[in-house]
Amino acid sequence: MIQAKFSLEENHVNFLNLFKKYGFKDKSAVIRTALERLEKELEMEKLKSSAEMYASLYESDRELQDLTNSAITEWPE
């Protein structure tokens, strides 16, 4: 594993010192888990924003709605 050096606020250090209370084997495990969760959360926000943008575009594009509806009508059941 690669080591990294960074600065933390005192409240973050206090939280990290409780790693055993939360079931982690060490402070590094807390940081890794937090970073993985943050990465997933940011990706979900990005996907949600993208979906909202496409929904808005679809809502304002009558031709695309007609095309979609015609494809649905011809779809086998």
C-alpha atoms as a PDB file:
ATOM      1  CA  MET A   1       0.000   0.000   0.000  1.00  0.00           C
ATOM      2  CA  ILE A   2       1.123   3.541  -0.695  1.00  0.00           C
ATOM      3  CA  GLN A   3       1.465   5.902   2.235  1.00  0.00           C
ATOM      4  CA  ALA A   4       0.263   9.501   2.115  1.00  0.00           C
ATOM      5  CA  LYS A   5       0.755  12.466   4.403  1.00  0.00           C
ATOM      6  CA  PHE A   6      -2.013  15.019   4.959  1.00  0.00           C
ATOM      7  CA  SER A   7      -3.271  17.448   7.574  1.00  0.00           C
ATOM      8  CA  LEU A   8      -6.459  17.010   9.581  1.00  0.00           C
ATOM      9  CA  GLU A   9      -8.538  19.108  11.904  1.00  0.00           C
ATOM     10  CA  GLU A  10      -8.494  18.100  15.568  1.00  0.00           C
ATOM     11  CA  ASN A  11     -12.079  16.805  15.418  1.00  0.00           C
ATOM     12  CA  HIS A  12     -11.094  14.499  12.536  1.00  0.00           C
ATOM     13  CA  VAL A  13      -8.180  13.117  14.550  1.00  0.00           C
ATOM     14  CA  ASN A  14     -10.477  12.586  17.528  1.00  0.00           C
ATOM     15  CA  PHE A  15     -12.868  10.641  15.318  1.00  0.00           C
ATOM     16  CA  LEU A  16     -10.051   8.546  13.854  1.00  0.00           C
ATOM     17  CA  ASN A  17      -8.933   7.636  17.353  1.00  0.00           C
ATOM     18  CA  LEU A  18     -12.300   5.893  17.807  1.00  0.00           C
ATOM     19  CA  PHE A  19     -11.567   3.438  14.977  1.00  0.00           C
ATOM     20  CA  LYS A  20     -12.010   0.353  17.195  1.00  0.00           C
ATOM     21  CA  LYS A  21     -15.397   1.597  18.413  1.00  0.00           C
ATOM     22  CA  TYR A  22     -16.620   1.554  14.810  1.00  0.00           C
ATOM     23  CA  GLY A  23     -15.163  -1.858  14.026  1.00  0.00           C
ATOM     24  CA  PHE A  24     -12.095  -0.837  12.045  1.00  0.00           C
ATOM     25  CA  LYS A  25      -8.720  -2.503  12.512  1.00  0.00           C
ATOM     26  CA  ASP A  26      -6.807   0.780  12.279  1.00  0.00           C
ATOM     27  CA  LYS A  27      -7.072   4.457  11.368  1.00  0.00           C
ATOM     28  CA  SER A  28      -6.042   3.781   7.782  1.00  0.00           C
ATOM     29  CA  ALA A  29      -9.029   1.481   7.322  1.00  0.00           C
ATOM     30  CA  VAL A  30     -11.313   4.341   8.389  1.00  0.00           C
ATOM     31  CA  ILE A  31      -9.732   6.682   5.847  1.00  0.00           C
ATOM     32  CA  ARG A  32      -9.900   4.116   3.038  1.00  0.00           C
ATOM     33  CA  THR A  33     -13.567   3.407   3.760  1.00  0.00           C
ATOM     34  CA  ALA A  34     -14.389   7.112   3.933  1.00  0.00           C
ATOM     35  CA  LEU A  35     -12.650   7.781   0.619  1.00  0.00           C
ATOM     36  CA  GLU A  36     -14.410   4.867  -1.079  1.00  0.00           C
ATOM     37  CA  ARG A  37     -17.791   6.076   0.182  1.00  0.00           C
ATOM     38  CA  LEU A  38     -17.054   9.642  -0.915  1.00  0.00           C
ATOM     39  CA  GLU A  39     -16.009   8.433  -4.359  1.00  0.00           C
ATOM     40  CA  LYS A  40     -19.269   6.470  -4.739  1.00  0.00           C
ATOM     41  CA  GLU A  41     -21.327   9.415  -3.474  1.00  0.00           C
ATOM     42  CA  LEU A  42     -19.688  11.834  -5.913  1.00  0.00           C
ATOM     43  CA  GLU A  43     -20.207   9.401  -8.791  1.00  0.00           C
ATOM     44  CA  MET A  44     -23.890   9.038  -7.860  1.00  0.00           C
ATOM     45  CA  GLU A  45     -24.284  12.828  -7.771  1.00  0.00           C
ATOM     46  CA  LYS A  46     -22.678  13.032 -11.208  1.00  0.00           C
ATOM     47  CA  LEU A  47     -25.009  10.336 -12.579  1.00  0.00           C
ATOM     48  CA  LYS A  48     -28.058  12.001 -11.024  1.00  0.00           C
ATOM     49  CA  SER A  49     -27.106  15.345 -12.538  1.00  0.00           C
ATOM     50  CA  SER A  50     -26.606  13.718 -15.923  1.00  0.00           C
ATOM     51  CA  ALA A  51     -29.959  11.933 -15.709  1.00  0.00           C
ATOM     52  CA  GLU A  52     -31.709  15.189 -14.804  1.00  0.00           C
ATOM     53  CA  MET A  53     -30.076  16.930 -17.759  1.00  0.00           C
ATOM     54  CA  TYR A  54     -31.147  14.187 -20.184  1.00  0.00           C
ATOM     55  CA  ALA A  55     -34.672  14.193 -18.736  1.00  0.00           C
ATOM     56  CA  SER A  56     -34.858  17.950 -19.266  1.00  0.00           C
ATOM     57  CA  LEU A  57     -33.621  17.625 -22.844  1.00  0.00           C
ATOM     58  CA  TYR A  58     -36.107  14.829 -23.526  1.00  0.00           C
ATOM     59  CA  GLU A  59     -38.951  16.862 -22.024  1.00  0.00           C
ATOM     60  CA  SER A  60     -38.236  19.777 -24.369  1.00  0.00           C
ATOM     61  CA  ASP A  61     -37.663  17.724 -27.534  1.00  0.00           C
ATOM     62  CA  ARG A  62     -41.007  16.720 -29.049  1.00  0.00           C
ATOM     63  CA  GLU A  63     -39.357  14.961 -31.991  1.00  0.00           C
ATOM     64  CA  LEU A  64     -37.389  12.714 -29.640  1.00  0.00           C
ATOM     65  CA  GLN A  65     -40.554  11.931 -27.660  1.00  0.00           C
ATOM     66  CA  ASP A  66     -42.346  10.943 -30.867  1.00  0.00           C
ATOM     67  CA  LEU A  67     -39.428   8.756 -31.911  1.00  0.00           C
ATOM     68  CA  THR A  68     -39.400   7.039 -28.512  1.00  0.00           C
ATOM     69  CA  ASN A  69     -43.148   6.482 -28.573  1.00  0.00           C
ATOM     70  CA  SER A  70     -43.008   4.995 -32.065  1.00  0.00           C
ATOM     71  CA  ALA A  71     -40.272   2.592 -30.968  1.00  0.00           C
ATOM     72  CA  ILE A  72     -42.318   1.535 -27.936  1.00  0.00           C
ATOM     73  CA  THR A  73     -45.399   0.950 -30.090  1.00  0.00           C
ATOM     74  CA  GLU A  74     -43.457  -1.335 -32.413  1.00  0.00           C
ATOM     75  CA  TRP A  75     -41.758  -3.224 -29.561  1.00  0.00           C
ATOM     76  CA  PRO A  76     -42.863  -6.883 -29.365  1.00  0.00           C
ATOM     77  CA  GLU A  77     -44.644  -7.931 -26.198  1.00  0.00           C
END
